[in-house]
Amino acid sequence: MPSRQIAFLEGSDLERLLGAPLTPQTSTSLRDKAMLELFFSTGLRVSELTNLKKDDINLKKDEFTVKGKGGKWRVVFLSNQAKYWLAKYLEARRDFNPFIFIPLDRAHNQRDKKKMKDKDWEKLTPRSVQRLIKRYSKMAGITKNITPHVLRHSYATDLLQNGADIRSVQEMLGHSSITTTQIYTHVTNKGLAEVFKNFHGKK
């Protein structure tokens, strides 16, 4: 089993990060709040998130499919919070850009270009998403180096800590090998070690 340690967020740190974009509430902060909630709800890779289009997600449903590494499709699930903030953000949009997460300061320049090809529309890049997350983690007073992948780690860790089996987590993350998913079990193993020490290790 891999011994590589992973960084993840939980508790108050996670709550502060998810709440950081809401002051003040603007179209950009709505976009960023929806983005953070979607990351934590689905465990998407940053490239998967930036490639999402409006037509990919039906907010009347709790799930959608995403194309991951190697062209492999998987189902991901939307929390009520993710659905709520995505709806608020998309309602505030007044452009024809098919992508969900876009640079809003330039959206007005493409507002009337209905016939543009997908490759010509602007969208947030993985690097710009990484910068946004770093900015909000600083606003939230988090000293760890927070990246999109840390949110993916947090999603997986939260599932395992709440009793999800590792095979299910593997499917939801889109890992081709269970070995990759097992890097997350060190967190739950630590929890088991604490239980042992508290309830059995003193004997």
N, C-alpha and C. Protein backbone atom coordinates (compact mmCIF):
# COMPACT_ATOMS: atom_id res chain seq x y z
N MET A 1 0.84 -1.19 0.00
CA MET A 1 0.00 0.00 0.00
C MET A 1 0.88 1.24 0.00
N PRO A 2 0.58 2.28 -0.77
CA PRO A 2 1.42 3.46 -0.82
C PRO A 2 1.46 4.15 0.53
N SER A 3 2.60 4.73 0.86
CA SER A 3 2.75 5.42 2.13
C SER A 3 2.68 6.94 1.96
N ARG A 4 2.48 7.41 0.75
CA ARG A 4 2.47 8.84 0.49
C ARG A 4 1.38 9.53 1.29
N GLN A 5 1.75 10.61 1.98
CA GLN A 5 0.80 11.36 2.78
C GLN A 5 0.06 12.36 1.89
N ILE A 6 -1.17 12.66 2.26
CA ILE A 6 -1.96 13.60 1.47
C ILE A 6 -2.45 14.73 2.36
N ALA A 7 -2.67 15.87 1.73
CA ALA A 7 -3.24 17.02 2.43
C ALA A 7 -4.73 17.06 2.17
N PHE A 8 -5.49 17.40 3.19
CA PHE A 8 -6.93 17.53 3.01
C PHE A 8 -7.46 18.54 4.01
N LEU A 9 -8.68 19.01 3.77
CA LEU A 9 -9.34 19.96 4.65
C LEU A 9 -10.53 19.30 5.33
N GLU A 10 -10.81 19.70 6.54
CA GLU A 10 -12.00 19.23 7.23
C GLU A 10 -12.41 20.26 8.27
N GLY A 11 -13.58 20.07 8.84
CA GLY A 11 -14.04 20.91 9.94
C GLY A 11 -14.11 22.39 9.60
N SER A 12 -13.64 23.21 10.53
CA SER A 12 -13.77 24.66 10.40
C SER A 12 -12.95 25.21 9.23
N ASP A 13 -11.80 24.59 8.93
CA ASP A 13 -11.00 25.05 7.79
C ASP A 13 -11.79 24.91 6.50
N LEU A 14 -12.45 23.77 6.33
CA LEU A 14 -13.24 23.54 5.14
C LEU A 14 -14.42 24.51 5.06
N GLU A 15 -15.10 24.72 6.19
CA GLU A 15 -16.24 25.63 6.22
C GLU A 15 -15.81 27.05 5.87
N ARG A 16 -14.67 27.49 6.40
CA ARG A 16 -14.19 28.85 6.11
C ARG A 16 -13.83 29.01 4.65
N LEU A 17 -13.21 27.99 4.07
CA LEU A 17 -12.87 28.07 2.65
C LEU A 17 -14.12 28.14 1.78
N LEU A 18 -15.10 27.27 2.06
CA LEU A 18 -16.32 27.26 1.26
C LEU A 18 -17.10 28.56 1.39
N GLY A 19 -16.96 29.24 2.53
CA GLY A 19 -17.67 30.50 2.74
C GLY A 19 -16.92 31.73 2.30
N ALA A 20 -15.64 31.59 1.98
CA ALA A 20 -14.80 32.75 1.68
C ALA A 20 -15.29 33.61 0.50
N PRO A 21 -15.84 33.04 -0.58
CA PRO A 21 -16.21 33.89 -1.71
C PRO A 21 -17.45 34.76 -1.49
N LEU A 22 -18.16 34.58 -0.40
CA LEU A 22 -19.49 35.20 -0.26
C LEU A 22 -19.49 36.65 0.17
N THR A 23 -18.34 37.24 0.44
CA THR A 23 -18.27 38.64 0.84
C THR A 23 -17.30 39.39 -0.06
N PRO A 24 -17.80 40.37 -0.86
CA PRO A 24 -19.22 40.67 -1.09
C PRO A 24 -19.80 39.69 -2.11
N GLN A 25 -21.14 39.65 -2.23
CA GLN A 25 -21.76 38.72 -3.16
C GLN A 25 -21.94 39.39 -4.53
N THR A 26 -21.15 38.92 -5.49
CA THR A 26 -21.19 39.44 -6.85
C THR A 26 -21.32 38.25 -7.80
N SER A 27 -21.43 38.52 -9.10
CA SER A 27 -21.50 37.41 -10.05
C SER A 27 -20.23 36.57 -9.99
N THR A 28 -19.09 37.23 -9.78
CA THR A 28 -17.82 36.50 -9.68
C THR A 28 -17.77 35.66 -8.41
N SER A 29 -18.24 36.23 -7.29
CA SER A 29 -18.21 35.45 -6.05
C SER A 29 -19.20 34.29 -6.10
N LEU A 30 -20.32 34.49 -6.81
CA LEU A 30 -21.26 33.38 -6.99
C LEU A 30 -20.61 32.27 -7.81
N ARG A 31 -19.88 32.65 -8.85
CA ARG A 31 -19.16 31.64 -9.65
C ARG A 31 -18.18 30.86 -8.78
N ASP A 32 -17.42 31.58 -7.97
CA ASP A 32 -16.38 30.93 -7.18
C ASP A 32 -16.97 30.08 -6.05
N LYS A 33 -18.07 30.54 -5.47
CA LYS A 33 -18.75 29.73 -4.44
C LYS A 33 -19.28 28.44 -5.07
N ALA A 34 -19.90 28.56 -6.25
CA ALA A 34 -20.42 27.37 -6.94
C ALA A 34 -19.28 26.41 -7.28
N MET A 35 -18.15 26.97 -7.69
CA MET A 35 -17.00 26.16 -8.05
C MET A 35 -16.49 25.36 -6.85
N LEU A 36 -16.34 26.02 -5.69
CA LEU A 36 -15.84 25.34 -4.50
C LEU A 36 -16.82 24.26 -4.02
N GLU A 37 -18.11 24.59 -4.04
CA GLU A 37 -19.11 23.60 -3.61
C GLU A 37 -19.13 22.40 -4.56
N LEU A 38 -18.96 22.67 -5.86
CA LEU A 38 -18.96 21.57 -6.83
C LEU A 38 -17.73 20.68 -6.65
N PHE A 39 -16.59 21.30 -6.38
CA PHE A 39 -15.38 20.53 -6.11
C PHE A 39 -15.61 19.56 -4.94
N PHE A 40 -16.13 20.10 -3.83
CA PHE A 40 -16.27 19.27 -2.64
C PHE A 40 -17.40 18.26 -2.77
N SER A 41 -18.40 18.57 -3.58
CA SER A 41 -19.53 17.66 -3.77
C SER A 41 -19.17 16.48 -4.66
N THR A 42 -18.27 16.70 -5.62
CA THR A 42 -18.05 15.69 -6.66
C THR A 42 -16.66 15.09 -6.69
N GLY A 43 -15.66 15.76 -6.11
CA GLY A 43 -14.29 15.26 -6.21
C GLY A 43 -13.73 15.33 -7.61
N LEU A 44 -14.22 16.25 -8.42
CA LEU A 44 -13.73 16.39 -9.80
C LEU A 44 -12.26 16.77 -9.85
N ARG A 45 -11.58 16.31 -10.88
CA ARG A 45 -10.26 16.84 -11.19
C ARG A 45 -10.46 18.25 -11.74
N VAL A 46 -9.44 19.10 -11.60
CA VAL A 46 -9.59 20.49 -12.04
C VAL A 46 -9.85 20.57 -13.54
N SER A 47 -9.24 19.71 -14.34
CA SER A 47 -9.46 19.73 -15.79
C SER A 47 -10.90 19.33 -16.12
N GLU A 48 -11.45 18.40 -15.33
CA GLU A 48 -12.84 17.99 -15.54
C GLU A 48 -13.79 19.13 -15.23
N LEU A 49 -13.48 19.88 -14.17
CA LEU A 49 -14.33 21.01 -13.79
C LEU A 49 -14.30 22.12 -14.83
N THR A 50 -13.11 22.46 -15.31
CA THR A 50 -13.01 23.58 -16.25
C THR A 50 -13.62 23.24 -17.61
N ASN A 51 -13.75 21.97 -17.93
CA ASN A 51 -14.35 21.56 -19.20
C ASN A 51 -15.86 21.40 -19.14
N LEU A 52 -16.45 21.56 -17.97
CA LEU A 52 -17.89 21.38 -17.83
C LEU A 52 -18.67 22.44 -18.60
N LYS A 53 -19.75 21.99 -19.26
CA LYS A 53 -20.66 22.90 -19.96
C LYS A 53 -22.01 22.90 -19.27
N LYS A 54 -22.78 23.95 -19.54
CA LYS A 54 -24.11 24.06 -18.94
C LYS A 54 -24.96 22.83 -19.26
N ASP A 55 -24.83 22.32 -20.47
CA ASP A 55 -25.65 21.18 -20.89
C ASP A 55 -25.24 19.87 -20.20
N ASP A 56 -24.07 19.87 -19.56
CA ASP A 56 -23.59 18.65 -18.90
C ASP A 56 -24.34 18.37 -17.60
N ILE A 57 -24.91 19.42 -17.00
CA ILE A 57 -25.52 19.28 -15.68
C ILE A 57 -27.00 19.66 -15.73
N ASN A 58 -27.83 18.75 -15.26
CA ASN A 58 -29.25 19.01 -15.10
C ASN A 58 -29.51 19.22 -13.61
N LEU A 59 -29.80 20.45 -13.21
CA LEU A 59 -29.93 20.76 -11.79
C LEU A 59 -31.19 20.19 -11.17
N LYS A 60 -32.05 19.57 -11.98
CA LYS A 60 -33.22 18.89 -11.43
C LYS A 60 -32.86 17.48 -10.95
N LYS A 61 -31.64 17.06 -11.31
CA LYS A 61 -31.16 15.74 -10.90
C LYS A 61 -30.01 15.88 -9.92
N ASP A 62 -29.73 14.82 -9.20
CA ASP A 62 -28.67 14.84 -8.19
C ASP A 62 -27.36 14.26 -8.71
N GLU A 63 -27.28 13.96 -9.99
CA GLU A 63 -26.07 13.34 -10.53
C GLU A 63 -25.88 13.73 -11.99
N PHE A 64 -24.64 13.58 -12.46
CA PHE A 64 -24.35 13.75 -13.87
C PHE A 64 -23.11 12.93 -14.21
N THR A 65 -22.85 12.76 -15.47
CA THR A 65 -21.67 11.99 -15.89
C THR A 65 -20.57 12.94 -16.34
N VAL A 66 -19.35 12.53 -16.10
CA VAL A 66 -18.20 13.34 -16.49
C VAL A 66 -17.17 12.43 -17.15
N LYS A 67 -16.49 12.98 -18.15
CA LYS A 67 -15.46 12.23 -18.86
C LYS A 67 -14.11 12.52 -18.22
N GLY A 68 -13.50 11.48 -17.67
CA GLY A 68 -12.24 11.65 -16.95
C GLY A 68 -11.03 11.18 -17.72
N LYS A 69 -10.01 10.79 -16.99
CA LYS A 69 -8.75 10.33 -17.60
C LYS A 69 -8.99 9.12 -18.48
N GLY A 70 -8.30 9.10 -19.61
CA GLY A 70 -8.41 7.96 -20.52
C GLY A 70 -9.76 7.86 -21.20
N GLY A 71 -10.51 8.97 -21.20
CA GLY A 71 -11.81 8.97 -21.85
C GLY A 71 -12.85 8.15 -21.11
N LYS A 72 -12.58 7.87 -19.83
CA LYS A 72 -13.48 7.02 -19.04
C LYS A 72 -14.59 7.88 -18.41
N TRP A 73 -15.84 7.45 -18.62
CA TRP A 73 -16.99 8.16 -18.06
C TRP A 73 -17.31 7.62 -16.67
N ARG A 74 -17.75 8.52 -15.78
CA ARG A 74 -18.21 8.08 -14.46
C ARG A 74 -19.33 8.99 -13.98
N VAL A 75 -20.07 8.51 -13.02
CA VAL A 75 -21.17 9.28 -12.43
C VAL A 75 -20.64 10.01 -11.21
N VAL A 76 -20.98 11.30 -11.09
CA VAL A 76 -20.67 12.07 -9.88
C VAL A 76 -21.99 12.63 -9.34
N PHE A 77 -21.99 12.98 -8.07
CA PHE A 77 -23.23 13.34 -7.39
C PHE A 77 -23.19 14.77 -6.85
N LEU A 78 -24.33 15.44 -6.96
CA LEU A 78 -24.44 16.83 -6.53
C LEU A 78 -25.08 16.92 -5.14
N SER A 79 -24.45 17.65 -4.25
CA SER A 79 -25.07 17.94 -2.96
C SER A 79 -26.11 19.03 -3.15
N ASN A 80 -26.98 19.19 -2.17
CA ASN A 80 -27.98 20.27 -2.24
C ASN A 80 -27.31 21.63 -2.29
N GLN A 81 -26.21 21.79 -1.56
CA GLN A 81 -25.49 23.06 -1.57
C GLN A 81 -24.91 23.36 -2.94
N ALA A 82 -24.32 22.35 -3.56
CA ALA A 82 -23.74 22.54 -4.90
C ALA A 82 -24.83 22.93 -5.90
N LYS A 83 -25.97 22.25 -5.85
CA LYS A 83 -27.08 22.55 -6.75
C LYS A 83 -27.59 23.98 -6.53
N TYR A 84 -27.71 24.37 -5.27
CA TYR A 84 -28.23 25.69 -4.93
C TYR A 84 -27.33 26.80 -5.49
N TRP A 85 -26.04 26.68 -5.24
CA TRP A 85 -25.13 27.75 -5.65
C TRP A 85 -24.88 27.74 -7.15
N LEU A 86 -24.89 26.58 -7.77
CA LEU A 86 -24.80 26.53 -9.24
C LEU A 86 -25.99 27.23 -9.87
N ALA A 87 -27.18 26.98 -9.33
CA ALA A 87 -28.39 27.61 -9.86
C ALA A 87 -28.32 29.13 -9.72
N LYS A 88 -27.90 29.62 -8.55
CA LYS A 88 -27.79 31.06 -8.33
C LYS A 88 -26.79 31.69 -9.29
N TYR A 89 -25.66 31.01 -9.47
CA TYR A 89 -24.62 31.53 -10.37
C TYR A 89 -25.10 31.55 -11.82
N LEU A 90 -25.69 30.46 -12.28
CA LEU A 90 -26.12 30.39 -13.67
C LEU A 90 -27.28 31.34 -13.96
N GLU A 91 -28.11 31.61 -12.95
CA GLU A 91 -29.18 32.59 -13.12
C GLU A 91 -28.62 33.99 -13.32
N ALA A 92 -27.46 34.24 -12.74
CA ALA A 92 -26.83 35.58 -12.85
C ALA A 92 -26.11 35.78 -14.18
N ARG A 93 -25.90 34.71 -14.91
CA ARG A 93 -25.20 34.80 -16.20
C ARG A 93 -26.12 35.38 -17.27
N ARG A 94 -25.56 36.23 -18.13
CA ARG A 94 -26.32 36.83 -19.22
C ARG A 94 -25.56 36.70 -20.54
N ASP A 95 -24.94 35.55 -20.73
CA ASP A 95 -24.13 35.36 -21.93
C ASP A 95 -24.46 34.00 -22.54
N PHE A 96 -23.91 33.75 -23.71
CA PHE A 96 -24.18 32.50 -24.42
C PHE A 96 -23.03 31.50 -24.34
N ASN A 97 -22.02 31.81 -23.54
CA ASN A 97 -20.88 30.91 -23.39
C ASN A 97 -21.38 29.56 -22.85
N PRO A 98 -21.09 28.46 -23.54
CA PRO A 98 -21.60 27.15 -23.11
C PRO A 98 -20.90 26.59 -21.88
N PHE A 99 -19.71 27.09 -21.57
CA PHE A 99 -18.96 26.57 -20.43
C PHE A 99 -19.51 27.15 -19.12
N ILE A 100 -19.40 26.38 -18.05
CA ILE A 100 -19.94 26.82 -16.76
C ILE A 100 -19.03 27.84 -16.10
N PHE A 101 -17.75 27.52 -16.01
CA PHE A 101 -16.84 28.40 -15.27
C PHE A 101 -15.99 29.21 -16.26
N ILE A 102 -16.32 30.50 -16.35
CA ILE A 102 -15.72 31.37 -17.35
C ILE A 102 -15.17 32.64 -16.70
N PRO A 103 -14.27 33.35 -17.40
CA PRO A 103 -13.79 34.64 -16.90
C PRO A 103 -14.88 35.70 -17.11
N LEU A 104 -15.59 36.04 -16.07
CA LEU A 104 -16.78 36.90 -16.19
C LEU A 104 -16.46 38.33 -16.61
N ASP A 105 -15.25 38.76 -16.34
CA ASP A 105 -14.90 40.13 -16.75
C ASP A 105 -14.85 40.28 -18.27
N ARG A 106 -14.77 39.16 -18.98
CA ARG A 106 -14.74 39.23 -20.45
C ARG A 106 -15.98 38.60 -21.09
N ALA A 107 -16.93 38.16 -20.27
CA ALA A 107 -18.11 37.48 -20.80
C ALA A 107 -18.95 38.40 -21.68
N HIS A 108 -18.99 39.70 -21.34
CA HIS A 108 -19.84 40.62 -22.11
C HIS A 108 -19.36 40.76 -23.55
N ASN A 109 -18.07 40.53 -23.77
CA ASN A 109 -17.54 40.64 -25.14
C ASN A 109 -18.01 39.51 -26.04
N GLN A 110 -18.50 38.43 -25.43
CA GLN A 110 -18.94 37.28 -26.20
C GLN A 110 -20.45 37.05 -26.06
N ARG A 111 -21.13 38.03 -25.50
CA ARG A 111 -22.53 37.85 -25.14
C ARG A 111 -23.42 37.54 -26.33
N ASP A 112 -23.13 38.14 -27.46
CA ASP A 112 -24.04 38.00 -28.61
C ASP A 112 -23.53 37.04 -29.69
N LYS A 113 -22.45 36.36 -29.42
CA LYS A 113 -21.86 35.49 -30.44
C LYS A 113 -22.39 34.07 -30.31
N LYS A 114 -23.63 33.88 -30.67
CA LYS A 114 -24.29 32.60 -30.47
C LYS A 114 -23.66 31.48 -31.30
N LYS A 115 -23.07 31.80 -32.44
CA LYS A 115 -22.61 30.76 -33.37
C LYS A 115 -21.13 30.45 -33.25
N MET A 116 -20.49 30.92 -32.19
CA MET A 116 -19.08 30.62 -31.99
C MET A 116 -18.89 29.13 -31.75
N LYS A 117 -17.74 28.61 -32.17
CA LYS A 117 -17.42 27.21 -31.91
C LYS A 117 -16.90 27.07 -30.48
N ASP A 118 -17.04 25.86 -29.92
CA ASP A 118 -16.63 25.64 -28.53
C ASP A 118 -15.19 26.07 -28.27
N LYS A 119 -14.32 25.79 -29.22
CA LYS A 119 -12.90 26.09 -29.01
C LYS A 119 -12.63 27.60 -28.95
N ASP A 120 -13.58 28.40 -29.42
CA ASP A 120 -13.40 29.85 -29.43
C ASP A 120 -13.94 30.53 -28.17
N TRP A 121 -14.73 29.81 -27.38
CA TRP A 121 -15.26 30.38 -26.16
C TRP A 121 -14.20 30.34 -25.06
N GLU A 122 -14.18 31.36 -24.24
CA GLU A 122 -13.24 31.38 -23.13
C GLU A 122 -13.80 30.62 -21.94
N LYS A 123 -12.91 29.99 -21.19
CA LYS A 123 -13.27 29.31 -19.94
C LYS A 123 -12.11 29.48 -18.97
N LEU A 124 -12.39 29.27 -17.70
CA LEU A 124 -11.30 29.32 -16.73
C LEU A 124 -10.32 28.19 -17.01
N THR A 125 -9.06 28.47 -16.85
CA THR A 125 -8.03 27.45 -17.02
C THR A 125 -7.74 26.79 -15.67
N PRO A 126 -7.19 25.58 -15.68
CA PRO A 126 -6.81 24.96 -14.41
C PRO A 126 -5.90 25.85 -13.57
N ARG A 127 -5.01 26.59 -14.23
CA ARG A 127 -4.10 27.48 -13.49
C ARG A 127 -4.87 28.62 -12.82
N SER A 128 -5.86 29.18 -13.52
CA SER A 128 -6.62 30.27 -12.93
C SER A 128 -7.47 29.77 -11.76
N VAL A 129 -7.99 28.55 -11.86
CA VAL A 129 -8.74 27.96 -10.75
C VAL A 129 -7.83 27.76 -9.55
N GLN A 130 -6.62 27.30 -9.81
CA GLN A 130 -5.65 27.10 -8.73
C GLN A 130 -5.36 28.42 -8.01
N ARG A 131 -5.21 29.51 -8.79
CA ARG A 131 -4.95 30.82 -8.18
C ARG A 131 -6.13 31.28 -7.33
N LEU A 132 -7.35 31.03 -7.83
CA LEU A 132 -8.54 31.42 -7.07
C LEU A 132 -8.63 30.68 -5.74
N ILE A 133 -8.36 29.39 -5.77
CA ILE A 133 -8.43 28.59 -4.54
C ILE A 133 -7.36 29.04 -3.55
N LYS A 134 -6.19 29.35 -4.05
CA LYS A 134 -5.11 29.84 -3.18
C LYS A 134 -5.52 31.17 -2.54
N ARG A 135 -6.17 32.03 -3.34
CA ARG A 135 -6.62 33.33 -2.84
C ARG A 135 -7.66 33.17 -1.73
N TYR A 136 -8.62 32.28 -1.95
CA TYR A 136 -9.68 32.10 -0.95
C TYR A 136 -9.17 31.39 0.29
N SER A 137 -8.19 30.51 0.14
CA SER A 137 -7.64 29.86 1.33
C SER A 137 -6.91 30.87 2.21
N LYS A 138 -6.26 31.85 1.58
CA LYS A 138 -5.61 32.91 2.36
C LYS A 138 -6.66 33.77 3.06
N MET A 139 -7.75 34.09 2.34
CA MET A 139 -8.83 34.87 2.94
C MET A 139 -9.43 34.15 4.13
N ALA A 140 -9.46 32.81 4.06
CA ALA A 140 -10.03 32.00 5.12
C ALA A 140 -9.06 31.77 6.28
N GLY A 141 -7.84 32.28 6.14
CA GLY A 141 -6.84 32.14 7.19
C GLY A 141 -6.23 30.75 7.29
N ILE A 142 -6.23 30.04 6.16
CA ILE A 142 -5.68 28.67 6.14
C ILE A 142 -4.21 28.75 5.71
N THR A 143 -3.35 28.18 6.51
CA THR A 143 -1.91 28.27 6.23
C THR A 143 -1.40 27.15 5.33
N LYS A 144 -2.18 26.07 5.19
CA LYS A 144 -1.77 24.98 4.29
C LYS A 144 -1.77 25.47 2.84
N ASN A 145 -0.99 24.79 2.01
CA ASN A 145 -1.01 25.07 0.57
C ASN A 145 -2.21 24.35 -0.04
N ILE A 146 -3.29 25.11 -0.30
CA ILE A 146 -4.53 24.51 -0.79
C ILE A 146 -4.58 24.59 -2.31
N THR A 147 -4.80 23.45 -2.94
CA THR A 147 -4.87 23.34 -4.39
C THR A 147 -6.19 22.65 -4.76
N PRO A 148 -6.56 22.65 -6.03
CA PRO A 148 -7.75 21.88 -6.43
C PRO A 148 -7.67 20.41 -6.01
N HIS A 149 -6.47 19.85 -6.05
CA HIS A 149 -6.33 18.44 -5.70
C HIS A 149 -6.55 18.21 -4.20
N VAL A 150 -6.26 19.23 -3.38
CA VAL A 150 -6.53 19.10 -1.95
C VAL A 150 -8.03 18.98 -1.71
N LEU A 151 -8.83 19.69 -2.51
CA LEU A 151 -10.28 19.57 -2.38
C LEU A 151 -10.74 18.17 -2.82
N ARG A 152 -10.09 17.62 -3.82
CA ARG A 152 -10.39 16.24 -4.24
C ARG A 152 -10.02 15.27 -3.13
N HIS A 153 -8.87 15.49 -2.49
CA HIS A 153 -8.48 14.67 -1.34
C HIS A 153 -9.51 14.79 -0.22
N SER A 154 -9.99 16.02 0.01
CA SER A 154 -10.95 16.25 1.09
C SER A 154 -12.25 15.51 0.84
N TYR A 155 -12.68 15.49 -0.42
CA TYR A 155 -13.89 14.76 -0.82
C TYR A 155 -13.74 13.27 -0.51
N ALA A 156 -12.62 12.70 -0.93
CA ALA A 156 -12.40 11.26 -0.72
C ALA A 156 -12.27 10.92 0.76
N THR A 157 -11.55 11.76 1.48
CA THR A 157 -11.34 11.53 2.91
C THR A 157 -12.66 11.60 3.67
N ASP A 158 -13.50 12.58 3.30
CA ASP A 158 -14.80 12.73 3.95
C ASP A 158 -15.67 11.49 3.73
N LEU A 159 -15.63 10.97 2.52
CA LEU A 159 -16.40 9.75 2.23
C LEU A 159 -15.94 8.58 3.10
N LEU A 160 -14.63 8.37 3.15
CA LEU A 160 -14.10 7.25 3.92
C LEU A 160 -14.34 7.40 5.42
N GLN A 161 -14.19 8.63 5.92
CA GLN A 161 -14.40 8.85 7.35
C GLN A 161 -15.85 8.63 7.74
N ASN A 162 -16.75 8.78 6.78
CA ASN A 162 -18.17 8.59 7.07
C ASN A 162 -18.68 7.21 6.68
N GLY A 163 -17.73 6.28 6.41
CA GLY A 163 -18.10 4.89 6.27
C GLY A 163 -18.21 4.34 4.86
N ALA A 164 -17.86 5.14 3.84
CA ALA A 164 -17.92 4.63 2.47
C ALA A 164 -16.84 3.56 2.27
N ASP A 165 -17.17 2.53 1.49
CA ASP A 165 -16.16 1.50 1.23
C ASP A 165 -15.22 1.97 0.12
N ILE A 166 -14.02 1.46 0.15
CA ILE A 166 -12.98 1.98 -0.73
C ILE A 166 -13.26 1.72 -2.21
N ARG A 167 -13.95 0.64 -2.52
CA ARG A 167 -14.29 0.35 -3.92
C ARG A 167 -15.25 1.40 -4.47
N SER A 168 -16.21 1.82 -3.65
CA SER A 168 -17.14 2.87 -4.08
C SER A 168 -16.40 4.19 -4.28
N VAL A 169 -15.49 4.51 -3.37
CA VAL A 169 -14.71 5.75 -3.49
C VAL A 169 -13.85 5.70 -4.75
N GLN A 170 -13.28 4.54 -5.05
CA GLN A 170 -12.51 4.37 -6.28
C GLN A 170 -13.35 4.74 -7.50
N GLU A 171 -14.58 4.24 -7.54
CA GLU A 171 -15.48 4.52 -8.67
C GLU A 171 -15.80 6.00 -8.75
N MET A 172 -16.08 6.62 -7.62
CA MET A 172 -16.48 8.03 -7.62
C MET A 172 -15.33 8.96 -7.98
N LEU A 173 -14.10 8.54 -7.69
CA LEU A 173 -12.93 9.33 -8.06
C LEU A 173 -12.48 9.06 -9.49
N GLY A 174 -12.92 7.96 -10.06
CA GLY A 174 -12.50 7.62 -11.41
C GLY A 174 -11.11 7.04 -11.47
N HIS A 175 -10.66 6.38 -10.39
CA HIS A 175 -9.35 5.74 -10.39
C HIS A 175 -9.43 4.40 -11.12
N SER A 176 -8.49 4.15 -11.98
CA SER A 176 -8.48 2.86 -12.68
C SER A 176 -7.97 1.75 -11.78
N SER A 177 -7.16 2.11 -10.78
CA SER A 177 -6.58 1.11 -9.88
C SER A 177 -6.96 1.41 -8.44
N ILE A 178 -7.30 0.39 -7.69
CA ILE A 178 -7.62 0.55 -6.27
C ILE A 178 -6.40 1.03 -5.49
N THR A 179 -5.21 0.73 -6.00
CA THR A 179 -3.98 1.13 -5.32
C THR A 179 -3.90 2.64 -5.19
N THR A 180 -4.35 3.36 -6.21
CA THR A 180 -4.33 4.82 -6.17
C THR A 180 -5.26 5.32 -5.07
N THR A 181 -6.40 4.70 -4.93
CA THR A 181 -7.38 5.13 -3.93
C THR A 181 -6.89 4.86 -2.52
N GLN A 182 -6.04 3.86 -2.36
CA GLN A 182 -5.60 3.46 -1.02
C GLN A 182 -4.72 4.49 -0.33
N ILE A 183 -4.26 5.52 -1.06
CA ILE A 183 -3.50 6.57 -0.38
C ILE A 183 -4.35 7.29 0.65
N TYR A 184 -5.68 7.21 0.49
CA TYR A 184 -6.57 7.92 1.41
C TYR A 184 -6.83 7.14 2.69
N THR A 185 -6.52 5.86 2.70
CA THR A 185 -6.88 5.05 3.86
C THR A 185 -6.01 5.34 5.07
N HIS A 186 -4.87 6.03 4.89
CA HIS A 186 -4.04 6.32 6.06
C HIS A 186 -4.80 7.22 7.04
N VAL A 187 -5.74 8.01 6.52
CA VAL A 187 -6.51 8.89 7.38
C VAL A 187 -7.45 8.08 8.26
N THR A 188 -8.18 7.16 7.65
CA THR A 188 -9.08 6.32 8.43
C THR A 188 -8.30 5.36 9.32
N ASN A 189 -7.12 4.94 8.87
CA ASN A 189 -6.30 4.07 9.71
C ASN A 189 -5.87 4.79 10.99
N LYS A 190 -5.58 6.11 10.86
CA LYS A 190 -5.21 6.89 12.04
C LYS A 190 -6.38 6.93 13.02
N GLY A 191 -7.58 7.07 12.46
CA GLY A 191 -8.76 7.09 13.31
C GLY A 191 -8.94 5.78 14.05
N LEU A 192 -8.70 4.69 13.36
CA LEU A 192 -8.80 3.37 14.00
C LEU A 192 -7.74 3.20 15.09
N ALA A 193 -6.56 3.74 14.83
CA ALA A 193 -5.49 3.66 15.83
C ALA A 193 -5.88 4.39 17.11
N GLU A 194 -6.55 5.55 16.96
CA GLU A 194 -7.00 6.30 18.14
C GLU A 194 -8.04 5.50 18.91
N VAL A 195 -8.95 4.85 18.20
CA VAL A 195 -9.96 4.01 18.85
C VAL A 195 -9.28 2.90 19.64
N PHE A 196 -8.29 2.28 19.01
CA PHE A 196 -7.56 1.19 19.68
C PHE A 196 -6.91 1.69 20.96
N LYS A 197 -6.22 2.82 20.88
CA LYS A 197 -5.52 3.36 22.05
C LYS A 197 -6.49 3.70 23.18
N ASN A 198 -7.63 4.29 22.81
CA ASN A 198 -8.60 4.73 23.82
C ASN A 198 -9.36 3.58 24.48
N PHE A 199 -9.62 2.53 23.70
CA PHE A 199 -10.51 1.50 24.20
C PHE A 199 -9.86 0.13 24.42
N HIS A 200 -8.65 -0.03 23.94
CA HIS A 200 -8.03 -1.35 24.09
C HIS A 200 -6.55 -1.28 24.42
N GLY A 201 -5.87 -0.24 23.95
CA GLY A 201 -4.42 -0.18 24.08
C GLY A 201 -3.91 -0.02 25.49
N LYS A 202 -4.80 0.33 26.42
CA LYS A 202 -4.36 0.54 27.81
C LYS A 202 -4.34 -0.75 28.60
N LYS A 203 -4.86 -1.82 28.02
CA LYS A 203 -4.95 -3.10 28.74
C LYS A 203 -3.63 -3.83 28.70
